[in-house]
Amino acid sequence: GTYGICESCSKKISAKRLQILPLSILCIDCKESMEHT
């Protein structure tokens, strides 16, 4: 994957999220939808 780009939808991951979770591969939208499925 590309740093700062969501693996699932290719949107940019917010800088704030990357500060908290530098290795996150999903944007907040995809992460939340995965957790609620």
PDB file of N, CA and C in Angstrom:
ATOM      1  N   GLY A   1       0.815  -1.205   0.000  1.00  0.00           N
ATOM      2  CA  GLY A   1       0.000   0.000   0.000  1.00  0.00           C
ATOM      3  C   GLY A   1       0.850   1.257   0.000  1.00  0.00           C
ATOM      4  N   THR A   2       0.211   2.376  -0.231  1.00  0.00           N
ATOM      5  CA  THR A   2       0.908   3.649  -0.259  1.00  0.00           C
ATOM      6  C   THR A   2       0.656   4.371   1.055  1.00  0.00           C
ATOM      7  N   TYR A   3       1.704   4.967   1.624  1.00  0.00           N
ATOM      8  CA  TYR A   3       1.557   5.660   2.900  1.00  0.00           C
ATOM      9  C   TYR A   3       0.548   6.789   2.782  1.00  0.00           C
ATOM     10  N   GLY A   4      -0.431   6.782   3.680  1.00  0.00           N
ATOM     11  CA  GLY A   4      -1.398   7.865   3.715  1.00  0.00           C
ATOM     12  C   GLY A   4      -2.567   7.695   2.768  1.00  0.00           C
ATOM     13  N   ILE A   5      -2.624   6.563   2.069  1.00  0.00           N
ATOM     14  CA  ILE A   5      -3.730   6.300   1.153  1.00  0.00           C
ATOM     15  C   ILE A   5      -4.458   5.050   1.635  1.00  0.00           C
ATOM     16  N   CYS A   6      -5.779   5.130   1.678  1.00  0.00           N
ATOM     17  CA  CYS A   6      -6.573   3.992   2.139  1.00  0.00           C
ATOM     18  C   CYS A   6      -6.432   2.815   1.185  1.00  0.00           C
ATOM     19  N   GLU A   7      -6.167   1.622   1.746  1.00  0.00           N
ATOM     20  CA  GLU A   7      -6.043   0.416   0.941  1.00  0.00           C
ATOM     21  C   GLU A   7      -7.374   0.039   0.302  1.00  0.00           C
ATOM     22  N   SER A   8      -8.464   0.390   0.966  1.00  0.00           N
ATOM     23  CA  SER A   8      -9.770  -0.064   0.518  1.00  0.00           C
ATOM     24  C   SER A   8     -10.374   0.846  -0.544  1.00  0.00           C
ATOM     25  N   CYS A   9     -10.334   2.159  -0.311  1.00  0.00           N
ATOM     26  CA  CYS A   9     -11.036   3.064  -1.225  1.00  0.00           C
ATOM     27  C   CYS A   9     -10.115   4.074  -1.905  1.00  0.00           C
ATOM     28  N   SER A  10      -8.826   4.047  -1.574  1.00  0.00           N
ATOM     29  CA  SER A  10      -7.823   4.925  -2.187  1.00  0.00           C
ATOM     30  C   SER A  10      -7.987   6.405  -1.852  1.00  0.00           C
ATOM     31  N   LYS A  11      -8.824   6.708  -0.859  1.00  0.00           N
ATOM     32  CA  LYS A  11      -8.905   8.094  -0.409  1.00  0.00           C
ATOM     33  C   LYS A  11      -7.711   8.397   0.485  1.00  0.00           C
ATOM     34  N   LYS A  12      -7.426   9.686   0.640  1.00  0.00           N
ATOM     35  CA  LYS A  12      -6.360  10.080   1.550  1.00  0.00           C
ATOM     36  C   LYS A  12      -6.795   9.831   2.985  1.00  0.00           C
ATOM     37  N   ILE A  13      -5.893   9.297   3.775  1.00  0.00           N
ATOM     38  CA  ILE A  13      -6.124   9.170   5.207  1.00  0.00           C
ATOM     39  C   ILE A  13      -5.749  10.507   5.843  1.00  0.00           C
ATOM     40  N   SER A  14      -6.554  10.965   6.777  1.00  0.00           N
ATOM     41  CA  SER A  14      -6.315  12.284   7.356  1.00  0.00           C
ATOM     42  C   SER A  14      -4.989  12.321   8.106  1.00  0.00           C
ATOM     43  N   ALA A  15      -4.354  13.472   8.072  1.00  0.00           N
ATOM     44  CA  ALA A  15      -3.067  13.638   8.745  1.00  0.00           C
ATOM     45  C   ALA A  15      -3.191  13.356  10.237  1.00  0.00           C
ATOM     46  N   LYS A  16      -4.316  13.752  10.819  1.00  0.00           N
ATOM     47  CA  LYS A  16      -4.522  13.513  12.249  1.00  0.00           C
ATOM     48  C   LYS A  16      -4.531  12.014  12.542  1.00  0.00           C
ATOM     49  N   ARG A  17      -5.210  11.254  11.691  1.00  0.00           N
ATOM     50  CA  ARG A  17      -5.247   9.803  11.877  1.00  0.00           C
ATOM     51  C   ARG A  17      -3.855   9.199  11.716  1.00  0.00           C
ATOM     52  N   LEU A  18      -3.095   9.696  10.766  1.00  0.00           N
ATOM     53  CA  LEU A  18      -1.741   9.181  10.564  1.00  0.00           C
ATOM     54  C   LEU A  18      -0.822   9.522  11.731  1.00  0.00           C
ATOM     55  N   GLN A  19      -1.074  10.649  12.392  1.00  0.00           N
ATOM     56  CA  GLN A  19      -0.276  10.980  13.571  1.00  0.00           C
ATOM     57  C   GLN A  19      -0.550   9.989  14.692  1.00  0.00           C
ATOM     58  N   ILE A  20      -1.814   9.603  14.836  1.00  0.00           N
ATOM     59  CA  ILE A  20      -2.196   8.686  15.905  1.00  0.00           C
ATOM     60  C   ILE A  20      -1.777   7.259  15.547  1.00  0.00           C
ATOM     61  N   LEU A  21      -2.031   6.869  14.302  1.00  0.00           N
ATOM     62  CA  LEU A  21      -1.743   5.510  13.841  1.00  0.00           C
ATOM     63  C   LEU A  21      -0.935   5.594  12.553  1.00  0.00           C
ATOM     64  N   PRO A  22       0.377   5.777  12.659  1.00  0.00           N
ATOM     65  CA  PRO A  22       1.175   6.018  11.453  1.00  0.00           C
ATOM     66  C   PRO A  22       1.106   4.886  10.435  1.00  0.00           C
ATOM     67  N   LEU A  23       0.806   3.682  10.891  1.00  0.00           N
ATOM     68  CA  LEU A  23       0.790   2.553   9.970  1.00  0.00           C
ATOM     69  C   LEU A  23      -0.604   2.200   9.486  1.00  0.00           C
ATOM     70  N   SER A  24      -1.579   3.052   9.784  1.00  0.00           N
ATOM     71  CA  SER A  24      -2.938   2.722   9.375  1.00  0.00           C
ATOM     72  C   SER A  24      -3.027   2.649   7.860  1.00  0.00           C
ATOM     73  N   ILE A  25      -3.731   1.625   7.375  1.00  0.00           N
ATOM     74  CA  ILE A  25      -3.862   1.417   5.933  1.00  0.00           C
ATOM     75  C   ILE A  25      -5.279   1.681   5.462  1.00  0.00           C
ATOM     76  N   LEU A  26      -6.172   2.002   6.406  1.00  0.00           N
ATOM     77  CA  LEU A  26      -7.552   2.292   6.045  1.00  0.00           C
ATOM     78  C   LEU A  26      -7.914   3.685   6.523  1.00  0.00           C
ATOM     79  N   CYS A  27      -8.680   4.396   5.719  1.00  0.00           N
ATOM     80  CA  CYS A  27      -9.199   5.675   6.188  1.00  0.00           C
ATOM     81  C   CYS A  27     -10.246   5.408   7.266  1.00  0.00           C
ATOM     82  N   ILE A  28     -10.627   6.446   7.968  1.00  0.00           N
ATOM     83  CA  ILE A  28     -11.544   6.262   9.093  1.00  0.00           C
ATOM     84  C   ILE A  28     -12.887   5.694   8.639  1.00  0.00           C
ATOM     85  N   ASP A  29     -13.354   6.084   7.462  1.00  0.00           N
ATOM     86  CA  ASP A  29     -14.646   5.586   6.981  1.00  0.00           C
ATOM     87  C   ASP A  29     -14.601   4.077   6.771  1.00  0.00           C
ATOM     88  N   CYS A  30     -13.557   3.598   6.101  1.00  0.00           N
ATOM     89  CA  CYS A  30     -13.460   2.167   5.831  1.00  0.00           C
ATOM     90  C   CYS A  30     -13.224   1.394   7.119  1.00  0.00           C
ATOM     91  N   LYS A  31     -12.419   1.944   8.006  1.00  0.00           N
ATOM     92  CA  LYS A  31     -12.168   1.257   9.263  1.00  0.00           C
ATOM     93  C   LYS A  31     -13.455   1.097  10.061  1.00  0.00           C
ATOM     94  N   GLU A  32     -14.240   2.168  10.136  1.00  0.00           N
ATOM     95  CA  GLU A  32     -15.486   2.085  10.893  1.00  0.00           C
ATOM     96  C   GLU A  32     -16.461   1.120  10.244  1.00  0.00           C
ATOM     97  N   SER A  33     -16.559   1.141   8.928  1.00  0.00           N
ATOM     98  CA  SER A  33     -17.510   0.240   8.286  1.00  0.00           C
ATOM     99  C   SER A  33     -17.082  -1.213   8.467  1.00  0.00           C
ATOM    100  N   MET A  34     -15.775  -1.472   8.499  1.00  0.00           N
ATOM    101  CA  MET A  34     -15.318  -2.840   8.750  1.00  0.00           C
ATOM    102  C   MET A  34     -15.632  -3.276  10.174  1.00  0.00           C
ATOM    103  N   GLU A  35     -15.474  -2.366  11.128  1.00  0.00           N
ATOM    104  CA  GLU A  35     -15.722  -2.718  12.520  1.00  0.00           C
ATOM    105  C   GLU A  35     -17.194  -2.966  12.796  1.00  0.00           C
ATOM    106  N   HIS A  36     -18.076  -2.339  12.041  1.00  0.00           N
ATOM    107  CA  HIS A  36     -19.510  -2.493  12.291  1.00  0.00           C
ATOM    108  C   HIS A  36     -20.136  -3.598  11.453  1.00  0.00           C
ATOM    109  N   THR A  37     -19.341  -4.264  10.642  1.00  0.00           N
ATOM    110  CA  THR A  37     -19.900  -5.314   9.783  1.00  0.00           C
ATOM    111  C   THR A  37     -19.904  -6.635  10.521  1.00  0.00           C
TER     112      THR A  37
END
